[in-house]
Amino acid sequence: MIRARMSTHLVLGDIQKAFFQIGVREGNRDAFRFLFNINGKEQHLRFTRVPFGGESRPFLLGATLNYHYDQQKEESQETVQALRENTHRDNLIQTGKKWRN
């Protein structure tokens, strides 16, 4: 936030529904199992996406972003580095100065 207040130009971004875009592997879905009463019958259901309120959500999002950063081509490394340095969870805050021609 301090960088944002000291800069003349600011770019803000947000990954829409970032946490809900992270899928849970089928083998790990039992960790996100819950009971649900359907027509008087108790059924076990499992989340296929990272559920709201999960303690590990910020870690999983960070690991997912880092995985995708690592998959980028060599010519994109300057952009990838800028994203790594200026992204916090699902928010991007990029500052800069006005360029003169």
N, C-alpha and C. Protein backbone atom coordinates (compact mmCIF):
# COMPACT_ATOMS: atom_id res chain seq x y z
N MET A 1 0.82 -1.19 0.00
CA MET A 1 0.00 0.00 0.00
C MET A 1 0.86 1.26 0.00
N ILE A 2 2.01 1.19 0.63
CA ILE A 2 2.89 2.36 0.66
C ILE A 2 3.37 2.69 -0.75
N ARG A 3 3.76 1.64 -1.51
CA ARG A 3 4.19 1.88 -2.89
C ARG A 3 3.08 2.54 -3.69
N ALA A 4 1.85 2.12 -3.46
CA ALA A 4 0.72 2.68 -4.22
C ALA A 4 0.53 4.16 -3.92
N ARG A 5 0.76 4.57 -2.69
CA ARG A 5 0.56 5.97 -2.32
C ARG A 5 1.69 6.86 -2.80
N MET A 6 2.85 6.28 -3.07
CA MET A 6 4.01 7.08 -3.45
C MET A 6 4.19 7.16 -4.97
N SER A 7 3.40 6.44 -5.72
CA SER A 7 3.56 6.39 -7.17
C SER A 7 2.59 7.34 -7.86
N THR A 8 2.99 7.79 -9.06
CA THR A 8 2.11 8.65 -9.84
C THR A 8 1.14 7.84 -10.69
N HIS A 9 1.48 6.58 -10.96
CA HIS A 9 0.62 5.72 -11.77
C HIS A 9 0.45 4.38 -11.07
N LEU A 10 -0.76 3.84 -11.16
CA LEU A 10 -1.08 2.62 -10.44
C LEU A 10 -1.99 1.73 -11.28
N VAL A 11 -1.66 0.46 -11.35
CA VAL A 11 -2.52 -0.52 -12.02
C VAL A 11 -2.96 -1.53 -10.98
N LEU A 12 -4.27 -1.72 -10.87
CA LEU A 12 -4.82 -2.69 -9.93
C LEU A 12 -5.52 -3.79 -10.72
N GLY A 13 -5.40 -5.00 -10.24
CA GLY A 13 -6.07 -6.11 -10.89
C GLY A 13 -6.52 -7.13 -9.86
N ASP A 14 -7.50 -7.92 -10.24
CA ASP A 14 -8.03 -8.94 -9.35
C ASP A 14 -8.40 -10.16 -10.19
N ILE A 15 -7.97 -11.34 -9.74
CA ILE A 15 -8.36 -12.57 -10.42
C ILE A 15 -9.76 -12.91 -9.94
N GLN A 16 -10.72 -12.85 -10.84
CA GLN A 16 -12.11 -13.07 -10.48
C GLN A 16 -12.32 -14.50 -10.00
N LYS A 17 -12.90 -14.65 -8.82
CA LYS A 17 -13.22 -15.95 -8.23
C LYS A 17 -12.00 -16.88 -8.23
N ALA A 18 -10.86 -16.34 -7.87
CA ALA A 18 -9.59 -17.08 -7.96
C ALA A 18 -9.64 -18.39 -7.17
N PHE A 19 -10.13 -18.35 -5.96
CA PHE A 19 -10.10 -19.55 -5.13
C PHE A 19 -11.01 -20.64 -5.69
N PHE A 20 -12.12 -20.23 -6.29
CA PHE A 20 -13.05 -21.22 -6.83
C PHE A 20 -12.59 -21.80 -8.16
N GLN A 21 -11.53 -21.27 -8.74
CA GLN A 21 -11.00 -21.80 -9.99
C GLN A 21 -9.97 -22.91 -9.75
N ILE A 22 -9.64 -23.16 -8.49
CA ILE A 22 -8.65 -24.19 -8.17
C ILE A 22 -9.38 -25.51 -7.94
N GLY A 23 -9.13 -26.46 -8.79
CA GLY A 23 -9.74 -27.77 -8.66
C GLY A 23 -9.01 -28.63 -7.64
N VAL A 24 -9.74 -29.56 -7.03
CA VAL A 24 -9.16 -30.51 -6.09
C VAL A 24 -9.04 -31.85 -6.80
N ARG A 25 -7.85 -32.44 -6.80
CA ARG A 25 -7.66 -33.75 -7.43
C ARG A 25 -8.60 -34.77 -6.81
N GLU A 26 -9.06 -35.69 -7.63
CA GLU A 26 -10.02 -36.68 -7.15
C GLU A 26 -9.51 -37.46 -5.95
N GLY A 27 -8.24 -37.77 -5.94
CA GLY A 27 -7.66 -38.51 -4.81
C GLY A 27 -7.61 -37.72 -3.51
N ASN A 28 -7.73 -36.40 -3.60
CA ASN A 28 -7.68 -35.54 -2.40
C ASN A 28 -9.04 -35.04 -1.97
N ARG A 29 -10.07 -35.39 -2.67
CA ARG A 29 -11.40 -34.84 -2.39
C ARG A 29 -11.99 -35.32 -1.07
N ASP A 30 -11.51 -36.45 -0.55
CA ASP A 30 -12.03 -36.91 0.74
C ASP A 30 -11.69 -35.92 1.86
N ALA A 31 -10.63 -35.13 1.67
CA ALA A 31 -10.27 -34.12 2.67
C ALA A 31 -11.31 -33.00 2.70
N PHE A 32 -12.11 -32.89 1.65
CA PHE A 32 -13.15 -31.85 1.56
C PHE A 32 -14.54 -32.48 1.53
N ARG A 33 -14.70 -33.55 2.27
CA ARG A 33 -15.98 -34.26 2.31
C ARG A 33 -16.88 -33.64 3.39
N PHE A 34 -18.18 -33.65 3.14
CA PHE A 34 -19.14 -33.16 4.12
C PHE A 34 -20.41 -33.98 4.03
N LEU A 35 -21.21 -33.94 5.08
CA LEU A 35 -22.48 -34.68 5.12
C LEU A 35 -23.61 -33.74 4.75
N PHE A 36 -24.57 -34.28 4.01
CA PHE A 36 -25.71 -33.47 3.59
C PHE A 36 -26.96 -34.34 3.66
N ASN A 37 -28.03 -33.78 4.19
CA ASN A 37 -29.28 -34.51 4.34
C ASN A 37 -30.15 -34.25 3.11
N ILE A 38 -30.37 -35.28 2.31
CA ILE A 38 -31.21 -35.17 1.11
C ILE A 38 -32.40 -36.12 1.28
N ASN A 39 -33.60 -35.51 1.37
CA ASN A 39 -34.84 -36.28 1.53
C ASN A 39 -34.75 -37.26 2.69
N GLY A 40 -34.20 -36.81 3.81
CA GLY A 40 -34.11 -37.64 5.01
C GLY A 40 -32.96 -38.63 5.00
N LYS A 41 -32.20 -38.68 3.93
CA LYS A 41 -31.05 -39.58 3.85
C LYS A 41 -29.76 -38.77 3.97
N GLU A 42 -28.88 -39.27 4.81
CA GLU A 42 -27.58 -38.62 4.97
C GLU A 42 -26.66 -39.10 3.86
N GLN A 43 -26.12 -38.14 3.10
CA GLN A 43 -25.23 -38.49 2.01
C GLN A 43 -23.89 -37.79 2.18
N HIS A 44 -22.84 -38.49 1.76
CA HIS A 44 -21.50 -37.92 1.78
C HIS A 44 -21.26 -37.26 0.42
N LEU A 45 -20.93 -35.97 0.44
CA LEU A 45 -20.61 -35.23 -0.77
C LEU A 45 -19.18 -34.69 -0.63
N ARG A 46 -18.55 -34.44 -1.77
CA ARG A 46 -17.18 -33.92 -1.76
C ARG A 46 -17.07 -32.71 -2.69
N PHE A 47 -16.31 -31.74 -2.25
CA PHE A 47 -16.07 -30.57 -3.09
C PHE A 47 -15.11 -30.94 -4.22
N THR A 48 -15.34 -30.37 -5.39
CA THR A 48 -14.41 -30.54 -6.52
C THR A 48 -13.54 -29.30 -6.69
N ARG A 49 -13.91 -28.22 -6.02
CA ARG A 49 -13.15 -26.96 -6.03
C ARG A 49 -12.79 -26.63 -4.59
N VAL A 50 -11.77 -25.81 -4.40
CA VAL A 50 -11.37 -25.42 -3.05
C VAL A 50 -12.52 -24.67 -2.39
N PRO A 51 -13.04 -25.17 -1.27
CA PRO A 51 -14.22 -24.56 -0.66
C PRO A 51 -13.88 -23.28 0.11
N PHE A 52 -14.89 -22.44 0.25
CA PHE A 52 -14.76 -21.21 1.02
C PHE A 52 -14.50 -21.56 2.48
N GLY A 53 -13.58 -20.87 3.11
CA GLY A 53 -13.30 -21.09 4.52
C GLY A 53 -12.21 -22.09 4.80
N GLY A 54 -11.68 -22.72 3.77
CA GLY A 54 -10.61 -23.69 3.98
C GLY A 54 -9.34 -22.99 4.46
N GLU A 55 -8.71 -23.54 5.49
CA GLU A 55 -7.49 -22.94 6.04
C GLU A 55 -6.37 -22.86 5.01
N SER A 56 -6.34 -23.80 4.09
CA SER A 56 -5.23 -23.88 3.14
C SER A 56 -5.45 -23.07 1.87
N ARG A 57 -6.55 -22.37 1.76
CA ARG A 57 -6.86 -21.64 0.53
C ARG A 57 -5.76 -20.70 0.06
N PRO A 58 -5.23 -19.83 0.91
CA PRO A 58 -4.17 -18.93 0.42
C PRO A 58 -2.94 -19.70 -0.06
N PHE A 59 -2.56 -20.76 0.65
CA PHE A 59 -1.42 -21.56 0.23
C PHE A 59 -1.68 -22.21 -1.12
N LEU A 60 -2.87 -22.80 -1.29
CA LEU A 60 -3.20 -23.48 -2.54
C LEU A 60 -3.23 -22.50 -3.72
N LEU A 61 -3.74 -21.30 -3.51
CA LEU A 61 -3.74 -20.31 -4.58
C LEU A 61 -2.31 -19.90 -4.93
N GLY A 62 -1.49 -19.65 -3.93
CA GLY A 62 -0.10 -19.29 -4.18
C GLY A 62 0.65 -20.39 -4.91
N ALA A 63 0.44 -21.63 -4.51
CA ALA A 63 1.11 -22.76 -5.17
C ALA A 63 0.62 -22.91 -6.60
N THR A 64 -0.66 -22.69 -6.84
CA THR A 64 -1.21 -22.78 -8.19
C THR A 64 -0.64 -21.69 -9.09
N LEU A 65 -0.59 -20.47 -8.57
CA LEU A 65 -0.02 -19.37 -9.36
C LEU A 65 1.45 -19.63 -9.67
N ASN A 66 2.22 -20.07 -8.67
CA ASN A 66 3.64 -20.37 -8.90
C ASN A 66 3.82 -21.48 -9.92
N TYR A 67 2.96 -22.49 -9.88
CA TYR A 67 3.03 -23.57 -10.87
C TYR A 67 2.86 -23.00 -12.28
N HIS A 68 1.87 -22.15 -12.46
CA HIS A 68 1.61 -21.58 -13.78
C HIS A 68 2.69 -20.58 -14.19
N TYR A 69 3.24 -19.84 -13.24
CA TYR A 69 4.38 -18.96 -13.56
C TYR A 69 5.55 -19.78 -14.10
N ASP A 70 5.81 -20.92 -13.44
CA ASP A 70 6.94 -21.78 -13.84
C ASP A 70 6.75 -22.40 -15.21
N GLN A 71 5.53 -22.48 -15.70
CA GLN A 71 5.23 -23.11 -16.99
C GLN A 71 5.41 -22.16 -18.17
N GLN A 72 5.67 -20.89 -17.89
CA GLN A 72 5.75 -19.89 -18.97
C GLN A 72 7.08 -19.97 -19.71
N LYS A 73 7.05 -19.54 -20.95
CA LYS A 73 8.24 -19.57 -21.81
C LYS A 73 9.27 -18.55 -21.35
N GLU A 74 10.50 -18.76 -21.79
CA GLU A 74 11.62 -17.91 -21.40
C GLU A 74 11.40 -16.45 -21.78
N GLU A 75 10.79 -16.19 -22.94
CA GLU A 75 10.60 -14.80 -23.37
C GLU A 75 9.57 -14.05 -22.51
N SER A 76 8.83 -14.75 -21.68
CA SER A 76 7.83 -14.12 -20.81
C SER A 76 8.34 -13.91 -19.39
N GLN A 77 9.60 -14.19 -19.14
CA GLN A 77 10.10 -14.17 -17.77
C GLN A 77 10.08 -12.79 -17.12
N GLU A 78 10.21 -11.73 -17.90
CA GLU A 78 10.13 -10.38 -17.32
C GLU A 78 8.72 -10.13 -16.78
N THR A 79 7.72 -10.53 -17.54
CA THR A 79 6.33 -10.39 -17.10
C THR A 79 6.06 -11.28 -15.90
N VAL A 80 6.55 -12.51 -15.95
CA VAL A 80 6.35 -13.45 -14.84
C VAL A 80 6.97 -12.88 -13.56
N GLN A 81 8.17 -12.33 -13.66
CA GLN A 81 8.82 -11.76 -12.49
C GLN A 81 8.03 -10.59 -11.93
N ALA A 82 7.49 -9.75 -12.81
CA ALA A 82 6.67 -8.62 -12.36
C ALA A 82 5.41 -9.13 -11.64
N LEU A 83 4.81 -10.19 -12.16
CA LEU A 83 3.63 -10.77 -11.50
C LEU A 83 3.99 -11.35 -10.14
N ARG A 84 5.10 -12.06 -10.07
CA ARG A 84 5.53 -12.64 -8.79
C ARG A 84 5.75 -11.56 -7.73
N GLU A 85 6.35 -10.46 -8.13
CA GLU A 85 6.70 -9.40 -7.19
C GLU A 85 5.52 -8.51 -6.79
N ASN A 86 4.49 -8.46 -7.63
CA ASN A 86 3.41 -7.49 -7.40
C ASN A 86 2.05 -8.12 -7.17
N THR A 87 2.01 -9.44 -6.98
CA THR A 87 0.74 -10.12 -6.73
C THR A 87 0.68 -10.59 -5.28
N HIS A 88 -0.42 -10.28 -4.63
CA HIS A 88 -0.67 -10.78 -3.28
C HIS A 88 -2.01 -11.49 -3.33
N ARG A 89 -1.97 -12.79 -3.08
CA ARG A 89 -3.14 -13.66 -3.23
C ARG A 89 -3.73 -13.48 -4.62
N ASP A 90 -4.92 -12.92 -4.73
CA ASP A 90 -5.53 -12.77 -6.06
C ASP A 90 -5.53 -11.32 -6.53
N ASN A 91 -4.72 -10.48 -5.91
CA ASN A 91 -4.68 -9.05 -6.26
C ASN A 91 -3.34 -8.66 -6.85
N LEU A 92 -3.39 -7.82 -7.86
CA LEU A 92 -2.19 -7.28 -8.49
C LEU A 92 -2.15 -5.79 -8.22
N ILE A 93 -1.01 -5.31 -7.71
CA ILE A 93 -0.79 -3.88 -7.51
C ILE A 93 0.53 -3.56 -8.17
N GLN A 94 0.48 -2.88 -9.32
CA GLN A 94 1.68 -2.53 -10.08
C GLN A 94 1.79 -1.01 -10.13
N THR A 95 2.93 -0.51 -9.72
CA THR A 95 3.15 0.94 -9.75
C THR A 95 4.15 1.26 -10.85
N GLY A 96 4.19 2.51 -11.23
CA GLY A 96 5.12 2.94 -12.26
C GLY A 96 5.13 4.44 -12.40
N LYS A 97 6.09 4.91 -13.12
CA LYS A 97 6.19 6.34 -13.41
C LYS A 97 5.76 6.58 -14.84
N LYS A 98 5.38 7.78 -15.13
CA LYS A 98 4.98 8.14 -16.48
C LYS A 98 6.20 8.12 -17.41
N TRP A 99 6.04 7.48 -18.54
CA TRP A 99 7.14 7.40 -19.52
C TRP A 99 7.12 8.63 -20.40
N ARG A 100 8.29 9.15 -20.68
CA ARG A 100 8.41 10.29 -21.58
C ARG A 100 9.04 9.81 -22.88
N ASN A 101 8.55 10.32 -24.00
CA ASN A 101 9.10 9.95 -25.30
C ASN A 101 10.24 10.85 -25.70
